[in-house]
Amino acid sequence: MPKFLEEKLRAEAAAHGMRGRDVAHYVYGTMNNIGAMRGNKETAKGARMDAKHAAKSGGSHPLRNLRHYAHPKRSK
């Protein structure tokens, strides 16, 4: 899932005064609605969003997207 988007949405939810499960419903519901996730799985659109953000931020931590290398997609 796009971590940057999750953090941004959590901050927005906190600004609206949400707590607990309301925050989770807000964050993951929004990501499902915009197409970044489908259920609890990241979509191709979400992966592109994450890659684009990582490329734009440039100076981010070098291991930020390590999960893409640690868990490569299986080939059929």
PDB file of N, CA and C in Angstrom:
ATOM      1  N   MET A   1       0.838  -1.170   0.000  1.00  0.00           N
ATOM      2  CA  MET A   1       0.000   0.000   0.000  1.00  0.00           C
ATOM      3  C   MET A   1       0.880   1.228   0.000  1.00  0.00           C
ATOM      4  N   PRO A   2       0.430   2.293  -0.581  1.00  0.00           N
ATOM      5  CA  PRO A   2       1.211   3.522  -0.587  1.00  0.00           C
ATOM      6  C   PRO A   2       1.320   4.083   0.835  1.00  0.00           C
ATOM      7  N   LYS A   3       2.488   3.933   1.430  1.00  0.00           N
ATOM      8  CA  LYS A   3       2.691   4.340   2.818  1.00  0.00           C
ATOM      9  C   LYS A   3       2.511   5.841   2.987  1.00  0.00           C
ATOM     10  N   PHE A   4       2.985   6.626   2.018  1.00  0.00           N
ATOM     11  CA  PHE A   4       2.862   8.070   2.130  1.00  0.00           C
ATOM     12  C   PHE A   4       1.391   8.483   2.183  1.00  0.00           C
ATOM     13  N   LEU A   5       0.556   7.796   1.399  1.00  0.00           N
ATOM     14  CA  LEU A   5      -0.867   8.115   1.360  1.00  0.00           C
ATOM     15  C   LEU A   5      -1.541   7.722   2.671  1.00  0.00           C
ATOM     16  N   GLU A   6      -1.151   6.584   3.210  1.00  0.00           N
ATOM     17  CA  GLU A   6      -1.706   6.151   4.488  1.00  0.00           C
ATOM     18  C   GLU A   6      -1.387   7.171   5.582  1.00  0.00           C
ATOM     19  N   GLU A   7      -0.146   7.629   5.630  1.00  0.00           N
ATOM     20  CA  GLU A   7       0.254   8.615   6.645  1.00  0.00           C
ATOM     21  C   GLU A   7      -0.521   9.916   6.477  1.00  0.00           C
ATOM     22  N   LYS A   8      -0.689  10.353   5.231  1.00  0.00           N
ATOM     23  CA  LYS A   8      -1.421  11.589   4.951  1.00  0.00           C
ATOM     24  C   LYS A   8      -2.887  11.467   5.382  1.00  0.00           C
ATOM     25  N   LEU A   9      -3.503  10.342   5.056  1.00  0.00           N
ATOM     26  CA  LEU A   9      -4.908  10.138   5.413  1.00  0.00           C
ATOM     27  C   LEU A   9      -5.096  10.008   6.921  1.00  0.00           C
ATOM     28  N   ARG A  10      -4.137   9.377   7.606  1.00  0.00           N
ATOM     29  CA  ARG A  10      -4.206   9.289   9.070  1.00  0.00           C
ATOM     30  C   ARG A  10      -4.144  10.677   9.700  1.00  0.00           C
ATOM     31  N   ALA A  11      -3.301  11.541   9.154  1.00  0.00           N
ATOM     32  CA  ALA A  11      -3.202  12.911   9.661  1.00  0.00           C
ATOM     33  C   ALA A  11      -4.510  13.667   9.432  1.00  0.00           C
ATOM     34  N   GLU A  12      -5.114  13.472   8.254  1.00  0.00           N
ATOM     35  CA  GLU A  12      -6.396  14.113   7.970  1.00  0.00           C
ATOM     36  C   GLU A  12      -7.476  13.626   8.927  1.00  0.00           C
ATOM     37  N   ALA A  13      -7.495  12.328   9.182  1.00  0.00           N
ATOM     38  CA  ALA A  13      -8.498  11.772  10.094  1.00  0.00           C
ATOM     39  C   ALA A  13      -8.319  12.338  11.501  1.00  0.00           C
ATOM     40  N   ALA A  14      -7.079  12.471  11.941  1.00  0.00           N
ATOM     41  CA  ALA A  14      -6.817  13.039  13.260  1.00  0.00           C
ATOM     42  C   ALA A  14      -7.258  14.502  13.313  1.00  0.00           C
ATOM     43  N   ALA A  15      -7.065  15.218  12.225  1.00  0.00           N
ATOM     44  CA  ALA A  15      -7.491  16.613  12.167  1.00  0.00           C
ATOM     45  C   ALA A  15      -9.006  16.740  12.256  1.00  0.00           C
ATOM     46  N   HIS A  16      -9.719  15.724  11.769  1.00  0.00           N
ATOM     47  CA  HIS A  16     -11.184  15.701  11.846  1.00  0.00           C
ATOM     48  C   HIS A  16     -11.676  15.182  13.190  1.00  0.00           C
ATOM     49  N   GLY A  17     -10.758  14.777  14.052  1.00  0.00           N
ATOM     50  CA  GLY A  17     -11.136  14.313  15.382  1.00  0.00           C
ATOM     51  C   GLY A  17     -11.507  12.846  15.449  1.00  0.00           C
ATOM     52  N   MET A  18     -11.143  12.068  14.457  1.00  0.00           N
ATOM     53  CA  MET A  18     -11.454  10.635  14.463  1.00  0.00           C
ATOM     54  C   MET A  18     -10.446   9.883  15.315  1.00  0.00           C
ATOM     55  N   ARG A  19     -10.909   8.761  15.873  1.00  0.00           N
ATOM     56  CA  ARG A  19     -10.047   7.925  16.692  1.00  0.00           C
ATOM     57  C   ARG A  19     -10.414   6.461  16.475  1.00  0.00           C
ATOM     58  N   GLY A  20      -9.456   5.580  16.764  1.00  0.00           N
ATOM     59  CA  GLY A  20      -9.706   4.147  16.742  1.00  0.00           C
ATOM     60  C   GLY A  20     -10.089   3.600  15.387  1.00  0.00           C
ATOM     61  N   ARG A  21     -11.163   2.817  15.366  1.00  0.00           N
ATOM     62  CA  ARG A  21     -11.605   2.171  14.133  1.00  0.00           C
ATOM     63  C   ARG A  21     -12.070   3.151  13.080  1.00  0.00           C
ATOM     64  N   ASP A  22     -12.555   4.311  13.526  1.00  0.00           N
ATOM     65  CA  ASP A  22     -12.986   5.318  12.556  1.00  0.00           C
ATOM     66  C   ASP A  22     -11.828   5.749  11.666  1.00  0.00           C
ATOM     67  N   VAL A  23     -10.638   5.842  12.249  1.00  0.00           N
ATOM     68  CA  VAL A  23      -9.451   6.224  11.474  1.00  0.00           C
ATOM     69  C   VAL A  23      -9.153   5.146  10.433  1.00  0.00           C
ATOM     70  N   ALA A  24      -9.159   3.885  10.853  1.00  0.00           N
ATOM     71  CA  ALA A  24      -8.869   2.787   9.931  1.00  0.00           C
ATOM     72  C   ALA A  24      -9.898   2.737   8.802  1.00  0.00           C
ATOM     73  N   HIS A  25     -11.163   2.925   9.122  1.00  0.00           N
ATOM     74  CA  HIS A  25     -12.204   2.910   8.099  1.00  0.00           C
ATOM     75  C   HIS A  25     -12.022   4.066   7.126  1.00  0.00           C
ATOM     76  N   TYR A  26     -11.656   5.221   7.646  1.00  0.00           N
ATOM     77  CA  TYR A  26     -11.426   6.395   6.802  1.00  0.00           C
ATOM     78  C   TYR A  26     -10.244   6.163   5.865  1.00  0.00           C
ATOM     79  N   VAL A  27      -9.130   5.699   6.423  1.00  0.00           N
ATOM     80  CA  VAL A  27      -7.896   5.518   5.646  1.00  0.00           C
ATOM     81  C   VAL A  27      -8.071   4.449   4.576  1.00  0.00           C
ATOM     82  N   TYR A  28      -8.446   3.253   4.974  1.00  0.00           N
ATOM     83  CA  TYR A  28      -8.505   2.150   4.022  1.00  0.00           C
ATOM     84  C   TYR A  28      -9.715   2.249   3.105  1.00  0.00           C
ATOM     85  N   GLY A  29     -10.795   2.832   3.574  1.00  0.00           N
ATOM     86  CA  GLY A  29     -11.947   3.063   2.714  1.00  0.00           C
ATOM     87  C   GLY A  29     -11.619   4.033   1.600  1.00  0.00           C
ATOM     88  N   THR A  30     -10.878   5.089   1.936  1.00  0.00           N
ATOM     89  CA  THR A  30     -10.475   6.063   0.925  1.00  0.00           C
ATOM     90  C   THR A  30      -9.538   5.438  -0.089  1.00  0.00           C
ATOM     91  N   MET A  31      -8.562   4.654   0.393  1.00  0.00           N
ATOM     92  CA  MET A  31      -7.627   4.016  -0.533  1.00  0.00           C
ATOM     93  C   MET A  31      -8.338   3.014  -1.431  1.00  0.00           C
ATOM     94  N   ASN A  32      -9.344   2.313  -0.911  1.00  0.00           N
ATOM     95  CA  ASN A  32     -10.126   1.406  -1.749  1.00  0.00           C
ATOM     96  C   ASN A  32     -10.941   2.191  -2.774  1.00  0.00           C
ATOM     97  N   ASN A  33     -11.522   3.314  -2.355  1.00  0.00           N
ATOM     98  CA  ASN A  33     -12.352   4.116  -3.259  1.00  0.00           C
ATOM     99  C   ASN A  33     -11.558   4.725  -4.399  1.00  0.00           C
ATOM    100  N   ILE A  34     -10.311   5.147  -4.145  1.00  0.00           N
ATOM    101  CA  ILE A  34      -9.524   5.766  -5.217  1.00  0.00           C
ATOM    102  C   ILE A  34      -8.794   4.733  -6.052  1.00  0.00           C
ATOM    103  N   GLY A  35      -8.814   3.473  -5.631  1.00  0.00           N
ATOM    104  CA  GLY A  35      -8.226   2.409  -6.426  1.00  0.00           C
ATOM    105  C   GLY A  35      -6.796   2.060  -6.076  1.00  0.00           C
ATOM    106  N   ALA A  36      -6.270   2.589  -4.964  1.00  0.00           N
ATOM    107  CA  ALA A  36      -4.904   2.278  -4.555  1.00  0.00           C
ATOM    108  C   ALA A  36      -4.830   0.901  -3.902  1.00  0.00           C
ATOM    109  N   MET A  37      -5.952   0.416  -3.394  1.00  0.00           N
ATOM    110  CA  MET A  37      -6.028  -0.904  -2.780  1.00  0.00           C
ATOM    111  C   MET A  37      -7.313  -1.581  -3.220  1.00  0.00           C
ATOM    112  N   ARG A  38      -7.311  -2.881  -3.126  1.00  0.00           N
ATOM    113  CA  ARG A  38      -8.532  -3.663  -3.342  1.00  0.00           C
ATOM    114  C   ARG A  38      -8.599  -4.616  -2.164  1.00  0.00           C
ATOM    115  N   GLY A  39      -9.480  -4.311  -1.225  1.00  0.00           N
ATOM    116  CA  GLY A  39      -9.515  -5.071   0.019  1.00  0.00           C
ATOM    117  C   GLY A  39      -8.262  -4.753   0.810  1.00  0.00           C
ATOM    118  N   ASN A  40      -7.463  -5.772   1.094  1.00  0.00           N
ATOM    119  CA  ASN A  40      -6.221  -5.526   1.822  1.00  0.00           C
ATOM    120  C   ASN A  40      -4.994  -5.712   0.938  1.00  0.00           C
ATOM    121  N   LYS A  41      -5.195  -5.729  -0.366  1.00  0.00           N
ATOM    122  CA  LYS A  41      -4.100  -5.906  -1.320  1.00  0.00           C
ATOM    123  C   LYS A  41      -3.850  -4.606  -2.082  1.00  0.00           C
ATOM    124  N   GLU A  42      -2.575  -4.295  -2.297  1.00  0.00           N
ATOM    125  CA  GLU A  42      -2.225  -3.128  -3.078  1.00  0.00           C
ATOM    126  C   GLU A  42      -2.464  -3.416  -4.561  1.00  0.00           C
ATOM    127  N   THR A  43      -3.026  -2.450  -5.269  1.00  0.00           N
ATOM    128  CA  THR A  43      -3.259  -2.608  -6.700  1.00  0.00           C
ATOM    129  C   THR A  43      -2.058  -2.070  -7.481  1.00  0.00           C
ATOM    130  N   ALA A  44      -2.073  -2.275  -8.770  1.00  0.00           N
ATOM    131  CA  ALA A  44      -1.013  -1.740  -9.630  1.00  0.00           C
ATOM    132  C   ALA A  44      -1.007  -0.220  -9.564  1.00  0.00           C
ATOM    133  N   LYS A  45      -2.180   0.376  -9.486  1.00  0.00           N
ATOM    134  CA  LYS A  45      -2.276   1.829  -9.385  1.00  0.00           C
ATOM    135  C   LYS A  45      -1.618   2.309  -8.093  1.00  0.00           C
ATOM    136  N   GLY A  46      -1.845   1.598  -6.994  1.00  0.00           N
ATOM    137  CA  GLY A  46      -1.223   1.954  -5.725  1.00  0.00           C
ATOM    138  C   GLY A  46       0.287   1.829  -5.778  1.00  0.00           C
ATOM    139  N   ALA A  47       0.782   0.799  -6.445  1.00  0.00           N
ATOM    140  CA  ALA A  47       2.231   0.614  -6.587  1.00  0.00           C
ATOM    141  C   ALA A  47       2.833   1.744  -7.420  1.00  0.00           C
ATOM    142  N   ARG A  48       2.118   2.154  -8.484  1.00  0.00           N
ATOM    143  CA  ARG A  48       2.600   3.270  -9.300  1.00  0.00           C
ATOM    144  C   ARG A  48       2.619   4.567  -8.501  1.00  0.00           C
ATOM    145  N   MET A  49       1.589   4.778  -7.684  1.00  0.00           N
ATOM    146  CA  MET A  49       1.539   5.974  -6.849  1.00  0.00           C
ATOM    147  C   MET A  49       2.720   5.995  -5.884  1.00  0.00           C
ATOM    148  N   ASP A  50       3.019   4.854  -5.277  1.00  0.00           N
ATOM    149  CA  ASP A  50       4.123   4.752  -4.327  1.00  0.00           C
ATOM    150  C   ASP A  50       5.457   5.001  -5.021  1.00  0.00           C
ATOM    151  N   ALA A  51       5.647   4.419  -6.206  1.00  0.00           N
ATOM    152  CA  ALA A  51       6.890   4.603  -6.951  1.00  0.00           C
ATOM    153  C   ALA A  51       7.060   6.057  -7.383  1.00  0.00           C
ATOM    154  N   LYS A  52       5.978   6.674  -7.817  1.00  0.00           N
ATOM    155  CA  LYS A  52       6.034   8.074  -8.243  1.00  0.00           C
ATOM    156  C   LYS A  52       6.395   8.975  -7.073  1.00  0.00           C
ATOM    157  N   HIS A  53       5.800   8.703  -5.918  1.00  0.00           N
ATOM    158  CA  HIS A  53       6.101   9.500  -4.729  1.00  0.00           C
ATOM    159  C   HIS A  53       7.557   9.322  -4.306  1.00  0.00           C
ATOM    160  N   ALA A  54       8.048   8.088  -4.352  1.00  0.00           N
ATOM    161  CA  ALA A  54       9.443   7.823  -3.975  1.00  0.00           C
ATOM    162  C   ALA A  54      10.400   8.529  -4.922  1.00  0.00           C
ATOM    163  N   ALA A  55      10.068   8.576  -6.208  1.00  0.00           N
ATOM    164  CA  ALA A  55      10.923   9.246  -7.179  1.00  0.00           C
ATOM    165  C   ALA A  55      10.910  10.760  -6.980  1.00  0.00           C
ATOM    166  N   LYS A  56       9.740  11.305  -6.654  1.00  0.00           N
ATOM    167  CA  LYS A  56       9.619  12.745  -6.441  1.00  0.00           C
ATOM    168  C   LYS A  56      10.334  13.192  -5.176  1.00  0.00           C
ATOM    169  N   SER A  57      10.214  12.411  -4.098  1.00  0.00           N
ATOM    170  CA  SER A  57      10.773  12.832  -2.819  1.00  0.00           C
ATOM    171  C   SER A  57      12.293  12.749  -2.829  1.00  0.00           C
ATOM    172  N   GLY A  58      12.855  11.909  -3.661  1.00  0.00           N
ATOM    173  CA  GLY A  58      14.295  11.866  -3.880  1.00  0.00           C
ATOM    174  C   GLY A  58      15.140  11.649  -2.648  1.00  0.00           C
ATOM    175  N   GLY A  59      15.056  12.502  -1.664  1.00  0.00           N
ATOM    176  CA  GLY A  59      15.905  12.425  -0.486  1.00  0.00           C
ATOM    177  C   GLY A  59      15.352  11.552   0.621  1.00  0.00           C
ATOM    178  N   SER A  60      14.428  10.663   0.305  1.00  0.00           N
ATOM    179  CA  SER A  60      13.848   9.820   1.347  1.00  0.00           C
ATOM    180  C   SER A  60      14.820   8.716   1.743  1.00  0.00           C
ATOM    181  N   HIS A  61      14.483   7.997   2.741  1.00  0.00           N
ATOM    182  CA  HIS A  61      15.329   6.926   3.258  1.00  0.00           C
ATOM    183  C   HIS A  61      15.543   5.869   2.174  1.00  0.00           C
ATOM    184  N   PRO A  62      16.783   5.373   1.999  1.00  0.00           N
ATOM    185  CA  PRO A  62      17.057   4.431   0.904  1.00  0.00           C
ATOM    186  C   PRO A  62      16.361   3.081   1.045  1.00  0.00           C
ATOM    187  N   LEU A  63      15.949   2.710   2.235  1.00  0.00           N
ATOM    188  CA  LEU A  63      15.293   1.413   2.422  1.00  0.00           C
ATOM    189  C   LEU A  63      13.778   1.538   2.506  1.00  0.00           C
ATOM    190  N   ARG A  64      13.238   2.693   2.152  1.00  0.00           N
ATOM    191  CA  ARG A  64      11.805   2.939   2.282  1.00  0.00           C
ATOM    192  C   ARG A  64      10.971   1.925   1.497  1.00  0.00           C
ATOM    193  N   ASN A  65      11.376   1.573   0.297  1.00  0.00           N
ATOM    194  CA  ASN A  65      10.598   0.659  -0.543  1.00  0.00           C
ATOM    195  C   ASN A  65      11.216  -0.728  -0.570  1.00  0.00           C
ATOM    196  N   LEU A  66      11.827  -1.129   0.500  1.00  0.00           N
ATOM    197  CA  LEU A  66      12.485  -2.415   0.581  1.00  0.00           C
ATOM    198  C   LEU A  66      11.505  -3.575   0.405  1.00  0.00           C
ATOM    199  N   ARG A  67      10.260  -3.391   0.782  1.00  0.00           N
ATOM    200  CA  ARG A  67       9.281  -4.473   0.691  1.00  0.00           C
ATOM    201  C   ARG A  67       9.116  -4.975  -0.734  1.00  0.00           C
ATOM    202  N   HIS A  68       9.356  -4.119  -1.733  1.00  0.00           N
ATOM    203  CA  HIS A  68       9.257  -4.556  -3.120  1.00  0.00           C
ATOM    204  C   HIS A  68      10.349  -5.556  -3.470  1.00  0.00           C
ATOM    205  N   TYR A  69      11.491  -5.445  -2.802  1.00  0.00           N
ATOM    206  CA  TYR A  69      12.596  -6.357  -3.057  1.00  0.00           C
ATOM    207  C   TYR A  69      12.546  -7.561  -2.147  1.00  0.00           C
ATOM    208  N   ALA A  70      12.040  -7.382  -0.936  1.00  0.00           N
ATOM    209  CA  ALA A  70      11.982  -8.476   0.024  1.00  0.00           C
ATOM    210  C   ALA A  70      10.909  -9.498  -0.336  1.00  0.00           C
ATOM    211  N   HIS A  71       9.848  -9.047  -0.994  1.00  0.00           N
ATOM    212  CA  HIS A  71       8.738  -9.932  -1.354  1.00  0.00           C
ATOM    213  C   HIS A  71       8.417  -9.776  -2.827  1.00  0.00           C
ATOM    214  N   PRO A  72       9.262 -10.280  -3.709  1.00  0.00           N
ATOM    215  CA  PRO A  72       8.981 -10.115  -5.146  1.00  0.00           C
ATOM    216  C   PRO A  72       7.746 -10.921  -5.552  1.00  0.00           C
ATOM    217  N   LYS A  73       7.124 -10.488  -6.624  1.00  0.00           N
ATOM    218  CA  LYS A  73       5.946 -11.195  -7.127  1.00  0.00           C
ATOM    219  C   LYS A  73       6.358 -12.549  -7.662  1.00  0.00           C
ATOM    220  N   ARG A  74       5.516 -13.516  -7.451  1.00  0.00           N
ATOM    221  CA  ARG A  74       5.783 -14.871  -7.963  1.00  0.00           C
ATOM    222  C   ARG A  74       5.424 -14.937  -9.433  1.00  0.00           C
ATOM    223  N   SER A  75       6.228 -15.634 -10.184  1.00  0.00           N
ATOM    224  CA  SER A  75       5.899 -15.828 -11.588  1.00  0.00           C
ATOM    225  C   SER A  75       5.212 -17.186 -11.744  1.00  0.00           C
ATOM    226  N   LYS A  76       4.283 -17.248 -12.665  1.00  0.00           N
ATOM    227  CA  LYS A  76       3.512 -18.479 -12.862  1.00  0.00           C
ATOM    228  C   LYS A  76       4.146 -19.362 -13.877  1.00  0.00           C
TER     229      LYS A  76
END
